Amino acid sequence: MHDGPAYSAETGGILVRVRPSYLAGQSDPEAGRWVWAYHVEIVNLSGETVQLISRRWIITDALGRVETVEGEGVVGEQPVIAPGASYAYASGCPLTTDSGAMVGAYVMTDAEGREFEAEIPAFSLDTPSTRRTLN
């Protein structure tokens, strides 16, 4: 699942790494369906425990259509991440075009209950035959 490039961003000591991967076996280009998986690792480089409360994804397809997806936690969890620890998960994204991009943010809380956003880096969703990089 790690055949795509890695993208990363750090916000306030929270490092988010994303590696997308095209899922040819789940895609059906003739039916207008392309599917990607993405593996996310969240590393707490700060000196305090944090909890991931919610997420916001902005998904753009090759035609410029934008969809925003928001919700509690990730994959049904609201993980607590201690200093120096990490949390990883995998999810997926179907599109009706053969490429697109995703970007977003996690709402986190610190030990005092203060909320802050950790940036999810922009990353491209490309089929193996159409490699692109974000500018």
N, C-alpha and C. Protein backbone atom coordinates (compact mmCIF):
# COMPACT_ATOMS: atom_id res chain seq x y z
N MET A 1 0.82 -1.20 0.00
CA MET A 1 0.00 0.00 0.00
C MET A 1 0.86 1.26 0.00
N HIS A 2 2.17 1.13 0.02
CA HIS A 2 3.02 2.32 0.12
C HIS A 2 3.73 2.61 -1.18
N ASP A 3 3.01 2.61 -2.30
CA ASP A 3 3.68 2.83 -3.57
C ASP A 3 3.72 4.29 -3.99
N GLY A 4 3.00 5.17 -3.30
CA GLY A 4 3.00 6.59 -3.64
C GLY A 4 4.02 7.36 -2.83
N PRO A 5 4.23 8.62 -3.20
CA PRO A 5 5.16 9.46 -2.44
C PRO A 5 4.58 9.79 -1.06
N ALA A 6 5.46 10.15 -0.13
CA ALA A 6 5.03 10.54 1.20
C ALA A 6 4.93 12.06 1.26
N TYR A 7 3.94 12.55 1.98
CA TYR A 7 3.73 13.98 2.18
C TYR A 7 3.71 14.21 3.68
N SER A 8 4.25 15.35 4.15
CA SER A 8 4.26 15.59 5.59
C SER A 8 4.09 17.08 5.90
N ALA A 9 3.57 17.33 7.09
CA ALA A 9 3.41 18.69 7.61
C ALA A 9 3.51 18.62 9.12
N GLU A 10 4.08 19.66 9.72
CA GLU A 10 4.17 19.73 11.18
C GLU A 10 3.53 21.01 11.67
N THR A 11 2.67 20.87 12.68
CA THR A 11 1.99 22.01 13.28
C THR A 11 2.09 21.87 14.79
N GLY A 12 2.74 22.81 15.44
CA GLY A 12 2.80 22.81 16.90
C GLY A 12 3.32 21.51 17.50
N GLY A 13 4.28 20.89 16.85
CA GLY A 13 4.85 19.66 17.38
C GLY A 13 4.08 18.40 16.99
N ILE A 14 3.07 18.53 16.16
CA ILE A 14 2.33 17.37 15.66
C ILE A 14 2.71 17.18 14.19
N LEU A 15 3.38 16.06 13.91
CA LEU A 15 3.81 15.74 12.55
C LEU A 15 2.81 14.78 11.94
N VAL A 16 2.29 15.14 10.77
CA VAL A 16 1.34 14.29 10.05
C VAL A 16 2.00 13.87 8.75
N ARG A 17 2.11 12.55 8.55
CA ARG A 17 2.66 11.99 7.31
C ARG A 17 1.56 11.22 6.60
N VAL A 18 1.44 11.42 5.30
CA VAL A 18 0.42 10.71 4.51
C VAL A 18 1.10 10.08 3.29
N ARG A 19 0.72 8.84 3.03
CA ARG A 19 1.22 8.15 1.85
C ARG A 19 0.03 7.53 1.12
N PRO A 20 -0.36 8.13 -0.05
CA PRO A 20 -1.48 7.59 -0.82
C PRO A 20 -1.04 6.42 -1.70
N SER A 21 -2.00 5.59 -2.06
CA SER A 21 -1.73 4.45 -2.91
C SER A 21 -2.97 4.16 -3.77
N TYR A 22 -2.78 4.02 -5.05
CA TYR A 22 -3.88 3.72 -5.97
C TYR A 22 -4.27 2.25 -5.83
N LEU A 23 -5.57 1.99 -5.72
CA LEU A 23 -6.07 0.63 -5.57
C LEU A 23 -6.71 0.17 -6.88
N ALA A 24 -5.89 -0.36 -7.77
CA ALA A 24 -6.37 -0.79 -9.08
C ALA A 24 -7.43 -1.87 -8.96
N GLY A 25 -7.29 -2.76 -7.99
CA GLY A 25 -8.24 -3.86 -7.82
C GLY A 25 -9.63 -3.43 -7.39
N GLN A 26 -9.73 -2.25 -6.77
CA GLN A 26 -11.03 -1.74 -6.35
C GLN A 26 -11.58 -0.68 -7.30
N SER A 27 -10.75 -0.29 -8.26
CA SER A 27 -11.15 0.73 -9.22
C SER A 27 -11.78 0.09 -10.45
N ASP A 28 -12.65 0.85 -11.10
CA ASP A 28 -13.29 0.41 -12.34
C ASP A 28 -13.38 1.62 -13.28
N PRO A 29 -12.27 1.93 -13.97
CA PRO A 29 -12.26 3.12 -14.83
C PRO A 29 -13.37 3.14 -15.87
N GLU A 30 -13.74 1.99 -16.40
CA GLU A 30 -14.82 1.96 -17.40
C GLU A 30 -16.15 2.42 -16.81
N ALA A 31 -16.32 2.22 -15.50
CA ALA A 31 -17.54 2.66 -14.81
C ALA A 31 -17.36 4.05 -14.17
N GLY A 32 -16.17 4.68 -14.38
CA GLY A 32 -15.94 6.00 -13.80
C GLY A 32 -15.68 5.97 -12.31
N ARG A 33 -14.94 4.95 -11.84
CA ARG A 33 -14.64 4.84 -10.41
C ARG A 33 -13.16 4.52 -10.22
N TRP A 34 -12.46 5.43 -9.52
CA TRP A 34 -11.06 5.24 -9.17
C TRP A 34 -10.96 5.33 -7.66
N VAL A 35 -10.18 4.44 -7.05
CA VAL A 35 -10.11 4.34 -5.58
C VAL A 35 -8.65 4.40 -5.12
N TRP A 36 -8.43 5.16 -4.07
CA TRP A 36 -7.11 5.25 -3.44
C TRP A 36 -7.23 4.92 -1.96
N ALA A 37 -6.18 4.34 -1.43
CA ALA A 37 -6.03 4.20 0.01
C ALA A 37 -5.02 5.27 0.43
N TYR A 38 -5.08 5.65 1.68
CA TYR A 38 -4.03 6.53 2.20
C TYR A 38 -3.72 6.09 3.62
N HIS A 39 -2.42 6.02 3.91
CA HIS A 39 -1.94 5.63 5.23
C HIS A 39 -1.45 6.90 5.92
N VAL A 40 -1.96 7.13 7.12
CA VAL A 40 -1.61 8.34 7.87
C VAL A 40 -0.87 7.95 9.14
N GLU A 41 0.21 8.65 9.42
CA GLU A 41 0.90 8.52 10.70
C GLU A 41 0.94 9.88 11.35
N ILE A 42 0.49 9.94 12.61
CA ILE A 42 0.49 11.18 13.39
C ILE A 42 1.51 10.99 14.51
N VAL A 43 2.54 11.81 14.53
CA VAL A 43 3.62 11.69 15.50
C VAL A 43 3.58 12.90 16.43
N ASN A 44 3.57 12.63 17.72
CA ASN A 44 3.54 13.72 18.71
C ASN A 44 4.98 14.06 19.10
N LEU A 45 5.50 15.14 18.51
CA LEU A 45 6.85 15.62 18.82
C LEU A 45 6.84 16.67 19.92
N SER A 46 5.63 16.98 20.43
CA SER A 46 5.52 18.00 21.48
C SER A 46 5.82 17.37 22.84
N GLY A 47 5.83 18.18 23.85
CA GLY A 47 6.12 17.70 25.20
C GLY A 47 4.89 17.35 26.00
N GLU A 48 3.71 17.34 25.37
CA GLU A 48 2.50 17.03 26.13
C GLU A 48 1.58 16.08 25.37
N THR A 49 0.76 15.39 26.12
CA THR A 49 -0.20 14.46 25.54
C THR A 49 -1.28 15.23 24.80
N VAL A 50 -1.68 14.70 23.64
CA VAL A 50 -2.74 15.32 22.84
C VAL A 50 -3.78 14.26 22.48
N GLN A 51 -4.97 14.73 22.14
CA GLN A 51 -6.01 13.82 21.67
C GLN A 51 -6.57 14.36 20.37
N LEU A 52 -6.77 13.46 19.41
CA LEU A 52 -7.39 13.82 18.14
C LEU A 52 -8.90 13.77 18.35
N ILE A 53 -9.57 14.89 18.13
CA ILE A 53 -11.00 15.00 18.39
C ILE A 53 -11.82 14.84 17.11
N SER A 54 -11.40 15.53 16.03
CA SER A 54 -12.17 15.47 14.79
C SER A 54 -11.25 15.72 13.60
N ARG A 55 -11.83 15.55 12.41
CA ARG A 55 -11.08 15.73 11.17
C ARG A 55 -11.90 16.53 10.18
N ARG A 56 -11.18 17.17 9.25
CA ARG A 56 -11.82 17.86 8.13
C ARG A 56 -10.96 17.60 6.91
N TRP A 57 -11.56 17.00 5.90
CA TRP A 57 -10.89 16.73 4.63
C TRP A 57 -11.52 17.58 3.55
N ILE A 58 -10.70 18.13 2.67
CA ILE A 58 -11.17 18.82 1.48
C ILE A 58 -10.64 18.01 0.30
N ILE A 59 -11.56 17.43 -0.46
CA ILE A 59 -11.21 16.52 -1.55
C ILE A 59 -11.59 17.20 -2.87
N THR A 60 -10.63 17.30 -3.77
CA THR A 60 -10.85 17.94 -5.07
C THR A 60 -10.56 16.93 -6.17
N ASP A 61 -11.49 16.76 -7.09
CA ASP A 61 -11.26 15.81 -8.19
C ASP A 61 -10.62 16.55 -9.37
N ALA A 62 -10.33 15.80 -10.45
CA ALA A 62 -9.63 16.35 -11.60
C ALA A 62 -10.43 17.43 -12.34
N LEU A 63 -11.73 17.49 -12.11
CA LEU A 63 -12.57 18.51 -12.74
C LEU A 63 -12.76 19.74 -11.85
N GLY A 64 -12.08 19.76 -10.70
CA GLY A 64 -12.17 20.89 -9.80
C GLY A 64 -13.35 20.85 -8.86
N ARG A 65 -14.10 19.74 -8.86
CA ARG A 65 -15.22 19.61 -7.92
C ARG A 65 -14.66 19.36 -6.52
N VAL A 66 -15.21 20.08 -5.53
CA VAL A 66 -14.70 20.02 -4.17
C VAL A 66 -15.76 19.44 -3.24
N GLU A 67 -15.32 18.52 -2.40
CA GLU A 67 -16.18 17.94 -1.36
C GLU A 67 -15.46 18.08 -0.03
N THR A 68 -16.19 18.53 0.99
CA THR A 68 -15.63 18.63 2.33
C THR A 68 -16.25 17.54 3.19
N VAL A 69 -15.40 16.80 3.89
CA VAL A 69 -15.85 15.72 4.76
C VAL A 69 -15.36 16.03 6.17
N GLU A 70 -16.29 16.10 7.11
CA GLU A 70 -15.95 16.38 8.50
C GLU A 70 -16.56 15.31 9.40
N GLY A 71 -15.91 15.06 10.52
CA GLY A 71 -16.46 14.09 11.44
C GLY A 71 -15.60 13.92 12.67
N GLU A 72 -16.15 13.19 13.62
CA GLU A 72 -15.41 12.92 14.86
C GLU A 72 -14.32 11.90 14.61
N GLY A 73 -13.17 12.12 15.24
CA GLY A 73 -12.09 11.16 15.21
C GLY A 73 -11.69 10.70 13.83
N VAL A 74 -11.02 9.55 13.81
CA VAL A 74 -10.60 8.89 12.58
C VAL A 74 -10.86 7.41 12.73
N VAL A 75 -11.36 6.77 11.70
CA VAL A 75 -11.70 5.35 11.69
C VAL A 75 -12.36 4.90 13.00
N GLY A 76 -13.28 5.73 13.49
CA GLY A 76 -14.04 5.38 14.70
C GLY A 76 -13.31 5.58 16.01
N GLU A 77 -12.16 6.20 15.99
CA GLU A 77 -11.38 6.41 17.22
C GLU A 77 -11.04 7.88 17.41
N GLN A 78 -10.83 8.25 18.66
CA GLN A 78 -10.31 9.57 19.02
C GLN A 78 -9.05 9.31 19.85
N PRO A 79 -7.95 8.98 19.16
CA PRO A 79 -6.76 8.52 19.86
C PRO A 79 -6.10 9.57 20.74
N VAL A 80 -5.56 9.11 21.85
CA VAL A 80 -4.72 9.91 22.73
C VAL A 80 -3.28 9.55 22.39
N ILE A 81 -2.47 10.57 22.13
CA ILE A 81 -1.10 10.33 21.69
C ILE A 81 -0.13 11.00 22.67
N ALA A 82 0.63 10.19 23.36
CA ALA A 82 1.58 10.67 24.36
C ALA A 82 2.79 11.32 23.68
N PRO A 83 3.55 12.15 24.42
CA PRO A 83 4.76 12.74 23.84
C PRO A 83 5.70 11.65 23.32
N GLY A 84 6.19 11.82 22.11
CA GLY A 84 7.10 10.85 21.52
C GLY A 84 6.42 9.65 20.90
N ALA A 85 5.12 9.52 21.06
CA ALA A 85 4.38 8.37 20.52
C ALA A 85 3.76 8.75 19.17
N SER A 86 3.22 7.74 18.50
CA SER A 86 2.56 7.98 17.23
C SER A 86 1.30 7.13 17.13
N TYR A 87 0.45 7.51 16.19
CA TYR A 87 -0.78 6.78 15.90
C TYR A 87 -0.89 6.68 14.39
N ALA A 88 -1.23 5.51 13.89
CA ALA A 88 -1.33 5.31 12.44
C ALA A 88 -2.66 4.66 12.10
N TYR A 89 -3.17 4.99 10.93
CA TYR A 89 -4.39 4.36 10.44
C TYR A 89 -4.41 4.44 8.92
N ALA A 90 -5.29 3.68 8.32
CA ALA A 90 -5.46 3.71 6.87
C ALA A 90 -6.93 3.93 6.56
N SER A 91 -7.19 4.62 5.46
CA SER A 91 -8.55 4.87 5.01
C SER A 91 -8.53 4.93 3.48
N GLY A 92 -9.64 5.31 2.89
CA GLY A 92 -9.69 5.34 1.44
C GLY A 92 -10.54 6.46 0.90
N CYS A 93 -10.40 6.68 -0.41
CA CYS A 93 -11.14 7.74 -1.08
C CYS A 93 -11.47 7.32 -2.50
N PRO A 94 -12.76 7.20 -2.83
CA PRO A 94 -13.14 6.96 -4.23
C PRO A 94 -13.37 8.29 -4.94
N LEU A 95 -13.05 8.33 -6.23
CA LEU A 95 -13.32 9.50 -7.04
C LEU A 95 -13.98 9.06 -8.35
N THR A 96 -14.63 10.01 -9.01
CA THR A 96 -15.20 9.73 -10.32
C THR A 96 -14.29 10.24 -11.44
N THR A 97 -13.08 10.66 -11.10
CA THR A 97 -12.05 11.06 -12.06
C THR A 97 -10.78 10.29 -11.74
N ASP A 98 -9.83 10.27 -12.68
CA ASP A 98 -8.62 9.46 -12.50
C ASP A 98 -7.52 10.14 -11.69
N SER A 99 -7.81 11.31 -11.14
CA SER A 99 -6.85 11.97 -10.26
C SER A 99 -7.59 12.99 -9.41
N GLY A 100 -6.89 13.47 -8.40
CA GLY A 100 -7.46 14.46 -7.50
C GLY A 100 -6.45 14.83 -6.44
N ALA A 101 -6.93 15.48 -5.41
CA ALA A 101 -6.06 15.90 -4.31
C ALA A 101 -6.87 15.97 -3.03
N MET A 102 -6.17 15.80 -1.92
CA MET A 102 -6.80 15.92 -0.60
C MET A 102 -5.91 16.80 0.28
N VAL A 103 -6.54 17.50 1.20
CA VAL A 103 -5.85 18.31 2.20
C VAL A 103 -6.80 18.43 3.38
N GLY A 104 -6.31 18.78 4.55
CA GLY A 104 -7.24 18.91 5.66
C GLY A 104 -6.57 19.29 6.96
N ALA A 105 -7.28 18.98 8.05
CA ALA A 105 -6.77 19.30 9.38
C ALA A 105 -7.43 18.38 10.40
N TYR A 106 -6.69 18.11 11.46
CA TYR A 106 -7.23 17.42 12.62
C TYR A 106 -7.41 18.44 13.72
N VAL A 107 -8.55 18.39 14.41
CA VAL A 107 -8.73 19.20 15.61
C VAL A 107 -8.22 18.35 16.76
N MET A 108 -7.26 18.90 17.48
CA MET A 108 -6.62 18.22 18.60
C MET A 108 -6.91 19.01 19.89
N THR A 109 -6.80 18.33 21.02
CA THR A 109 -6.82 19.03 22.30
C THR A 109 -5.55 18.66 23.06
N ASP A 110 -5.07 19.60 23.86
CA ASP A 110 -3.91 19.32 24.69
C ASP A 110 -4.35 18.92 26.09
N ALA A 111 -3.42 18.71 26.98
CA ALA A 111 -3.72 18.25 28.34
C ALA A 111 -4.59 19.24 29.12
N GLU A 112 -4.57 20.51 28.73
CA GLU A 112 -5.37 21.53 29.40
C GLU A 112 -6.75 21.68 28.76
N GLY A 113 -7.02 20.90 27.71
CA GLY A 113 -8.31 20.98 27.04
C GLY A 113 -8.38 22.04 25.95
N ARG A 114 -7.26 22.69 25.65
CA ARG A 114 -7.22 23.70 24.59
C ARG A 114 -7.25 23.01 23.23
N GLU A 115 -8.08 23.51 22.33
CA GLU A 115 -8.16 22.97 20.98
C GLU A 115 -7.19 23.68 20.05
N PHE A 116 -6.63 22.93 19.13
CA PHE A 116 -5.80 23.51 18.07
C PHE A 116 -5.91 22.60 16.86
N GLU A 117 -5.55 23.12 15.69
CA GLU A 117 -5.60 22.33 14.47
C GLU A 117 -4.21 21.89 14.07
N ALA A 118 -4.10 20.63 13.69
CA ALA A 118 -2.87 20.08 13.12
C ALA A 118 -3.11 19.90 11.63
N GLU A 119 -2.26 20.49 10.83
CA GLU A 119 -2.42 20.45 9.37
C GLU A 119 -2.20 19.05 8.82
N ILE A 120 -3.08 18.65 7.91
CA ILE A 120 -2.87 17.45 7.10
C ILE A 120 -2.32 17.96 5.78
N PRO A 121 -1.13 17.52 5.35
CA PRO A 121 -0.55 18.08 4.13
C PRO A 121 -1.39 17.76 2.90
N ALA A 122 -1.34 18.64 1.94
CA ALA A 122 -1.98 18.38 0.65
C ALA A 122 -1.25 17.23 -0.02
N PHE A 123 -2.01 16.30 -0.60
CA PHE A 123 -1.39 15.21 -1.34
C PHE A 123 -2.22 14.87 -2.56
N SER A 124 -1.54 14.36 -3.57
CA SER A 124 -2.22 14.07 -4.83
C SER A 124 -2.64 12.62 -4.90
N LEU A 125 -3.75 12.41 -5.58
CA LEU A 125 -4.27 11.08 -5.86
C LEU A 125 -4.14 10.89 -7.36
N ASP A 126 -3.19 10.07 -7.76
CA ASP A 126 -2.91 9.88 -9.18
C ASP A 126 -2.87 8.39 -9.50
N THR A 127 -3.35 8.05 -10.67
CA THR A 127 -3.21 6.67 -11.13
C THR A 127 -1.75 6.48 -11.54
N PRO A 128 -1.25 5.25 -11.50
CA PRO A 128 0.17 5.02 -11.84
C PRO A 128 0.57 5.55 -13.21
N SER A 129 -0.35 5.57 -14.15
CA SER A 129 -0.02 6.05 -15.50
C SER A 129 -0.08 7.56 -15.63
N THR A 130 -0.53 8.26 -14.57
CA THR A 130 -0.70 9.72 -14.63
C THR A 130 -0.05 10.37 -13.42
N ARG A 131 1.25 10.19 -13.25
CA ARG A 131 1.93 10.76 -12.10
C ARG A 131 1.93 12.28 -12.18
N ARG A 132 1.52 12.90 -11.08
CA ARG A 132 1.54 14.36 -10.98
C ARG A 132 2.07 14.71 -9.61
N THR A 133 2.57 15.94 -9.47
CA THR A 133 2.96 16.42 -8.16
C THR A 133 2.26 17.73 -7.90
N LEU A 134 1.96 17.98 -6.65
CA LEU A 134 1.30 19.24 -6.28
C LEU A 134 2.32 20.35 -6.27
N ASN A 135 1.93 21.51 -6.76
CA ASN A 135 2.83 22.67 -6.76
C ASN A 135 2.57 23.51 -5.54
